[in-house]
Amino acid sequence: MRFRQKTKDAAVGQAVKRRGPIFAAGLLTATIMACAPVIDNRGYFFDDRSVDNIEKGVTNKEAVRETFGSPSSESVLNNGAYYYIYSRFVTESYRAPEEVDRKVLAIYFDENKTVRDLAVYGLEDGIIVPIVARTTQTQGSELTALQQIFGNVGRFGDGSPTQF
């Protein structure tokens, strides 16, 4: 009985020794893949060949909509200009997503709803507007935590003149 137990234990030990490097390689692969960047494509990805098919003064709004679909944004000004927006974001491990690429196809129309002009803008064409954080001063004084705790010591009632 003891002999069988020892051979069984030895067989299990050899199996663990054989699978150890495989397990370590799998663990290493999983660790490396967890650190791989995640790429997120957002919006409408358009190719340059379809943009080249748009002719100024010939192509109308309906043809643009048939070719590209509904725009990402439509302007109220400029006779209803169409904007097709594409962005690529990369997220690396624990960091916040970062926009690494952006293309905006802007198609402008004239009064007859035909293409007047078109342009492709990139991330480098964007204007960065700094945000100014301002706080409004309140009237009165700011109390510390201790002043707030001990400020009501000795005050009883609601302060009305008729107290029973």
Protein backbone atom coordinates (compact mmCIF):
# COMPACT_ATOMS: atom_id res chain seq x y z
CA MET A 1 0.00 0.00 0.00
CA ARG A 2 2.78 2.44 0.89
CA PHE A 3 4.67 1.58 -2.27
CA ARG A 4 1.70 2.49 -4.47
CA GLN A 5 1.26 5.81 -2.66
CA LYS A 6 4.92 6.74 -3.22
CA THR A 7 4.80 5.93 -6.93
CA LYS A 8 1.57 7.90 -7.27
CA ASP A 9 3.15 10.90 -5.50
CA ALA A 10 6.22 10.62 -7.73
CA ALA A 11 4.05 10.57 -10.86
CA VAL A 12 2.19 13.68 -9.71
CA GLY A 13 5.49 15.43 -8.97
CA GLN A 14 6.82 14.64 -12.44
CA ALA A 15 3.62 15.93 -14.04
CA VAL A 16 3.93 19.18 -12.10
CA LYS A 17 7.56 19.50 -13.18
CA ARG A 18 6.56 19.00 -16.82
CA ARG A 19 3.71 21.51 -16.66
CA GLY A 20 5.62 24.12 -14.65
CA PRO A 21 7.37 25.77 -17.63
CA ILE A 22 4.12 25.74 -19.60
CA PHE A 23 2.31 27.41 -16.70
CA ALA A 24 5.10 30.00 -16.34
CA ALA A 25 5.00 30.78 -20.06
CA GLY A 26 1.22 31.17 -19.92
CA LEU A 27 1.48 33.48 -16.92
CA LEU A 28 4.15 35.57 -18.65
CA THR A 29 2.04 35.82 -21.82
CA ALA A 30 -1.03 36.89 -19.83
CA THR A 31 1.01 39.54 -18.02
CA ILE A 32 2.40 40.96 -21.26
CA MET A 33 -1.02 40.99 -22.92
CA ALA A 34 -2.51 42.83 -19.96
CA CYS A 35 -0.07 45.68 -20.60
CA ALA A 36 -0.82 45.90 -24.32
CA PRO A 37 -2.49 49.14 -25.40
CA VAL A 38 -6.20 49.08 -26.22
CA ILE A 39 -7.04 50.92 -29.45
CA ASP A 40 -10.55 52.37 -29.75
CA ASN A 41 -11.74 53.74 -33.11
CA ARG A 42 -14.70 56.10 -32.82
CA GLY A 43 -16.83 57.76 -35.45
CA TYR A 44 -16.89 57.46 -39.22
CA PHE A 45 -13.72 56.15 -40.85
CA PHE A 46 -13.58 57.50 -44.41
CA ASP A 47 -11.02 56.74 -47.08
CA ASP A 48 -9.44 59.26 -49.43
CA ARG A 49 -10.81 57.53 -52.55
CA SER A 50 -14.42 58.23 -51.55
CA VAL A 51 -13.50 61.85 -50.77
CA ASP A 52 -11.96 62.19 -54.26
CA ASN A 53 -15.32 61.17 -55.80
CA ILE A 54 -16.98 64.34 -54.50
CA GLU A 55 -16.98 67.03 -57.18
CA LYS A 56 -17.41 70.69 -56.26
CA GLY A 57 -20.44 72.26 -57.91
CA VAL A 58 -21.75 68.86 -59.14
CA THR A 59 -22.37 66.56 -56.16
CA ASN A 60 -25.49 67.36 -54.16
CA LYS A 61 -26.46 66.74 -50.53
CA GLU A 62 -28.37 63.54 -51.30
CA ALA A 63 -25.41 62.02 -53.15
CA VAL A 64 -23.10 62.85 -50.23
CA ARG A 65 -25.54 61.24 -47.81
CA GLU A 66 -25.75 58.12 -50.03
CA THR A 67 -21.95 57.86 -50.20
CA PHE A 68 -21.06 58.60 -46.57
CA GLY A 69 -24.32 58.06 -44.68
CA SER A 70 -25.64 60.35 -41.99
CA PRO A 71 -23.08 62.94 -40.85
CA SER A 72 -21.60 62.94 -37.36
CA SER A 73 -22.72 66.55 -37.06
CA GLU A 74 -24.69 68.94 -39.24
CA SER A 75 -24.30 72.69 -39.09
CA VAL A 76 -27.21 75.08 -38.96
CA LEU A 77 -24.99 77.70 -40.55
CA ASN A 78 -23.19 77.40 -43.91
CA ASN A 79 -26.31 75.99 -45.62
CA GLY A 80 -26.23 72.85 -43.49
CA ALA A 81 -22.58 71.78 -43.74
CA TYR A 82 -21.87 68.09 -43.00
CA TYR A 83 -19.10 66.99 -40.65
CA TYR A 84 -17.87 63.38 -40.58
CA ILE A 85 -15.64 62.86 -37.54
CA TYR A 86 -13.22 60.00 -36.87
CA SER A 87 -11.06 59.65 -33.74
CA ARG A 88 -8.60 57.02 -32.53
CA PHE A 89 -7.99 56.65 -28.80
CA VAL A 90 -5.26 54.57 -27.15
CA THR A 91 -5.55 53.35 -23.56
CA GLU A 92 -2.40 51.99 -21.96
CA SER A 93 -2.81 49.94 -18.76
CA TYR A 94 -4.15 52.21 -16.03
CA ARG A 95 -3.86 55.55 -17.86
CA ALA A 96 -6.78 57.57 -19.17
CA PRO A 97 -7.58 57.23 -22.90
CA GLU A 98 -5.54 59.56 -25.09
CA GLU A 99 -6.65 60.76 -28.50
CA VAL A 100 -3.81 60.04 -30.95
CA ASP A 101 -5.54 60.67 -34.29
CA ARG A 102 -8.52 62.68 -35.51
CA LYS A 103 -9.88 63.39 -38.97
CA VAL A 104 -12.80 65.67 -39.69
CA LEU A 105 -14.27 65.76 -43.19
CA ALA A 106 -16.16 69.03 -43.59
CA ILE A 107 -18.42 69.36 -46.64
CA TYR A 108 -19.89 72.81 -47.30
CA PHE A 109 -22.93 73.39 -49.51
CA ASP A 110 -24.20 76.38 -51.46
CA GLU A 111 -27.77 77.69 -51.73
CA ASN A 112 -28.63 75.01 -54.34
CA LYS A 113 -27.53 72.23 -51.96
CA THR A 114 -24.53 71.27 -54.09
CA VAL A 115 -21.00 70.94 -52.74
CA ARG A 116 -19.32 74.33 -52.56
CA ASP A 117 -16.14 73.22 -50.79
CA LEU A 118 -14.71 70.41 -48.70
CA ALA A 119 -11.81 70.07 -46.33
CA VAL A 120 -10.14 67.41 -44.21
CA TYR A 121 -8.88 68.57 -40.83
CA GLY A 122 -6.56 66.62 -38.58
CA LEU A 123 -5.71 66.59 -34.90
CA GLU A 124 -2.93 69.11 -35.51
CA ASP A 125 -5.48 71.59 -36.94
CA GLY A 126 -7.48 71.70 -33.71
CA ILE A 127 -7.37 74.70 -31.44
CA ILE A 128 -6.81 73.94 -27.78
CA VAL A 129 -8.82 76.24 -25.53
CA PRO A 130 -7.50 76.51 -21.99
CA ILE A 131 -10.12 76.18 -19.29
CA VAL A 132 -9.93 78.79 -16.55
CA ALA A 133 -11.12 77.51 -13.19
CA ARG A 134 -12.47 80.35 -11.10
CA THR A 135 -14.31 80.31 -7.82
CA THR A 136 -16.84 82.83 -6.63
CA GLN A 137 -16.21 84.37 -3.23
CA THR A 138 -19.10 83.93 -0.81
CA GLN A 139 -20.20 86.50 1.72
CA GLY A 140 -19.42 85.94 5.36
CA SER A 141 -16.58 84.08 6.96
CA GLU A 142 -15.51 80.53 6.52
CA LEU A 143 -15.59 78.54 9.75
CA THR A 144 -13.14 75.87 10.70
CA ALA A 145 -14.36 72.42 11.71
CA LEU A 146 -13.89 73.20 15.43
CA GLN A 147 -15.75 76.51 15.12
CA GLN A 148 -18.65 74.72 13.49
CA ILE A 149 -18.75 72.03 16.20
CA PHE A 150 -18.45 74.35 19.20
CA GLY A 151 -20.31 77.32 17.68
CA ASN A 152 -23.70 75.98 18.80
CA VAL A 153 -22.69 75.07 22.38
CA GLY A 154 -25.05 76.82 24.78
CA ARG A 155 -27.64 77.68 22.15
CA PHE A 156 -30.99 76.11 22.90
CA GLY A 157 -34.27 76.49 21.03
CA ASP A 158 -34.92 78.06 17.67
CA GLY A 159 -34.15 81.63 18.74
CA SER A 160 -37.75 82.87 18.69
CA PRO A 161 -38.79 85.30 21.49
CA THR A 162 -41.67 83.15 22.69
CA GLN A 163 -40.12 80.06 24.10
CA PHE A 164 -41.95 77.72 26.51
